[in-house]
Amino acid sequence: MANALGKTAVVPVLGLVICWAAGSFAAHPGLLLAPEDVALIRQSIDQSPGFAKDLAAVRLEIDTYFETFPDVPPPVDAGGGYSHETHKRNGIAIHDAGILHQLTGEMAYADYARRLLLAYAELYPGLGRHPQSRGPNPGRLFWQNLNESVWLTYAIQGFDAIHDALAPTDREQIVNKLLRPMADFLSAGSPGTFDRIHNHGTWAVAAVGMTGYAIDEPDYVRKALHGLNGEGGSGFLKQIDLLFSPDGYYGEGPYYQRYALMPFLLFARSIEANEPEREIFAYRDGILLKAIYACIDLSYDGLFFPINDAIKDKGLDTVELRHGVAIAYRLTGDAELLSIAGRQKSFVLNGDGFALARALDRGESIPYAFRSRLLRDGPEGKRGGLAVLRGGDGANSQAAVLKATSQGMGHGHFDKLGLLFYDNGNEILTDYGAARFLNVAQKNGGRYLPENETWAKQTIAHNALVVDETSHFRGELAIAEQSYPVDLHFASGGGIQLAGATMADAYADVSFRRTVAVLDDLNTEHPVLVDLLKADGKGRRQFDLPVHFNGQIIDVSHPPDPDPAGLRPLGDANGYQHLWLRARAEVAAGETFSVTWLTGNRFYTYSTIALDKMEVFFTELGANDPQFNLRREQALVLRVGEADSASFVAVLEPHGEYNGSEEFTRNSSGLIEDIGFHSEAGLDALALQTADGARAVLALSHDADDLVAHTIDLQGQSFQWRGHHALLDATPVDEE
């Protein structure tokens, strides 16, 4: 029996695996750590060497951290600066010391947390607007109130853990001089954040709501759940309603889904502990649990797909997913989650983490099945979606990602129907992600760099169609937020995985459709990626398709010529100003252009048919970058100019092996020898012939009705099929 996640339902989602007893808000510890969990961990910790090891490691860290009392400096720096990083570490130290007090019973850890909380109770009342704050959402302890919410989310758990060990006078001082003022500032004092449907708002309501439970203040909980006015137009429940699709996809993309999951899950766990009758994990058909699985599925080789404002080194081992996997396992008993936990560096120190660690130490893990998925976008699943096509397993696994989502709010990039491809553990067709050095003070205070706007968000920075050297929606967020891809199609089976969608509003008078397929049943070493992008417009336009790739070029079918004008940017604006034009090649109509590159120990041949005269530009990132903020990456730019329509038909074939240690090379040339293409009346046919004479045809129709029959002729043969697509064997039959 499969549940709504497409996975085997080992245990019903809620209520049978774990049932936390109801109690008043005044029960302590009463957020993520419950008294019964404390008792179980103390009695049974020898059953999980992994959990015991992590507990010992945190104990050592806290003992070392408090060898001298931590500094509590006046707020001065933005992200990455000394005061910022010190306060961030102190908030985590309060949390960890409190948890250690509960799990070890040692009063020294309660005293560590108490002294630090009292130091902040002295500092906080005198703070005004942070000196480095920018924009409408300033902080006091940190440069933006987002960081203040994160700090309180950690610190309130530490306070909750030591609550009963505090003298009444100390408790009163911490509550009245720190916790209440901070909760008031983050709620009524910051309405633009608190009532915002956004990850900043999620952190704020989580911090204030958890504070309400910890200090027994129902009004804070009410505001957190239902918004400042209590009417439900904002607040935690409305955020759950609007920020996740029915499949658990979060509109800003996987990087921010990971970040936003933390406050959703921490607050939800606190709600479950204090008001289990709300059944928060069953809310909206178990959407928070679906969001955990979706976040896992939006990764390759442990790292998240870097769409939108993503830092590319974030993945499944982050603290957010450590909480998420632990919570999901305890709610479901899904043994596949244990294999994800096995990739993570440590366990969260609470009952969820202990249950996960004990099961992993018992050897109960089974491999997580990364499946092809279409994750719909939008609250009702009607704002496009992200299609993930997977093949193979282990070292040979592949993933193709078609980004057919909505904009993604302020963290979205202008790349409708962008494409990524992974193979053999590497990113092959790449996405730049964000231009940012997170918390590196020398780089714009750790904030997003100017090049995030001038390069990373622009369409040319992605594997997506660019018309007239202008980004989608002219690079304007307000316009982009109103549109999303339509006619979304997804299929998996019969030797083919396929996704496609249409975008009609990215440009005036231009619409385009992209279909991406992974073909498993060809006579090739590995599955082959097929990419068909067709654009139709009015008037004479210029159509560019950038192909950002990771690897060293080995061979090119059309020898590139250096630009006679010397090294210069490819264009003047919209990201083109950051691309050095290294060389160019001209491809006549009817010819096939191909380039082979080496990534890791595998070769990749990218072949595209020039249906019209086409130019290919060889480019390298780094022009107009005086502060050296951009990585030195490379891309091909395929151009069809002076046309009212254009089609880009491409095949990417992984093949061969390069072995440097053993000094051999195998199959450095691809096995696909010929590509043919024909389009007529809404039908497309792509023929691929391999070196052994095998021939296959991918046939496509814009009519997805399975009952409708189609016929198309290609290279002297007629092909018939029903429905949206078919993979047909067209190998010639030998005649005796």
Foldseek 3Di string as FASTA:
>chain_A
DADPLRDDFQDPQDDPLDAADADALADFPQFQFDLVFLVCCLVCVVLFPQAVVVLVVLVVVLCVCVPPQQDQDAFAAAFQDDLLVSLLVLLLLLLSLLLNCSNVVDCVSLVNNLVSLLVCLVVPVPWDFHPQADDDATDTSHNGCLSVLVSLLSNLNSCRSCVVVDDPVSNVSSVPRPLVVSLCCLAVVGQVQCFDLDLSVLSNLLSQLSSCSSVVNVLSVQCQQQNPVSPNNGHDVVSLLWQAALQQDGLQFLQVLLVSLQSNLSSLSSCCRHPVVVVSCPPSNNNSLSNLVVSQLQDDPFWGAQAFQHDTVDGCQDPSNLSNLLVSCSSRVPQQSLVSVVVHDGHDSHSSRSVSSSCVVVVSHDHNDNAWDWGADTSHSAFFTKTWHWDDDDQFIKIKIFPQGAQNPPRGAQAHRFIWMDGRRGTFQGQQHFLFDQSNCVQVSRDGHPCRLFARRFHLRTQHKDKQLATFVNSDRVVRNVHTWDLWDWDDDDQKTKIKTKGDRRDPFKIKMKMWMWGQPDPFPGTKIKIKMKMAGDFWMKMKGKGFGDFAWDDKPFDWDADPVPWAFCDDGRNSQFKTFGTKGKDAAQDKIWIWGDDDFKIKIKIKHRNHIKMKTKIWGGGPCVPPSDDTTIIIMIMDGGDRMGMIIMMMGIDWTQDPVVGDTGCNDTFWDDWWWDDDDQKIKIWTAGNVQWIKIKIAGSFQPQPDKDWDDTPHDIDIHGGGIDIGTPRDDDDD
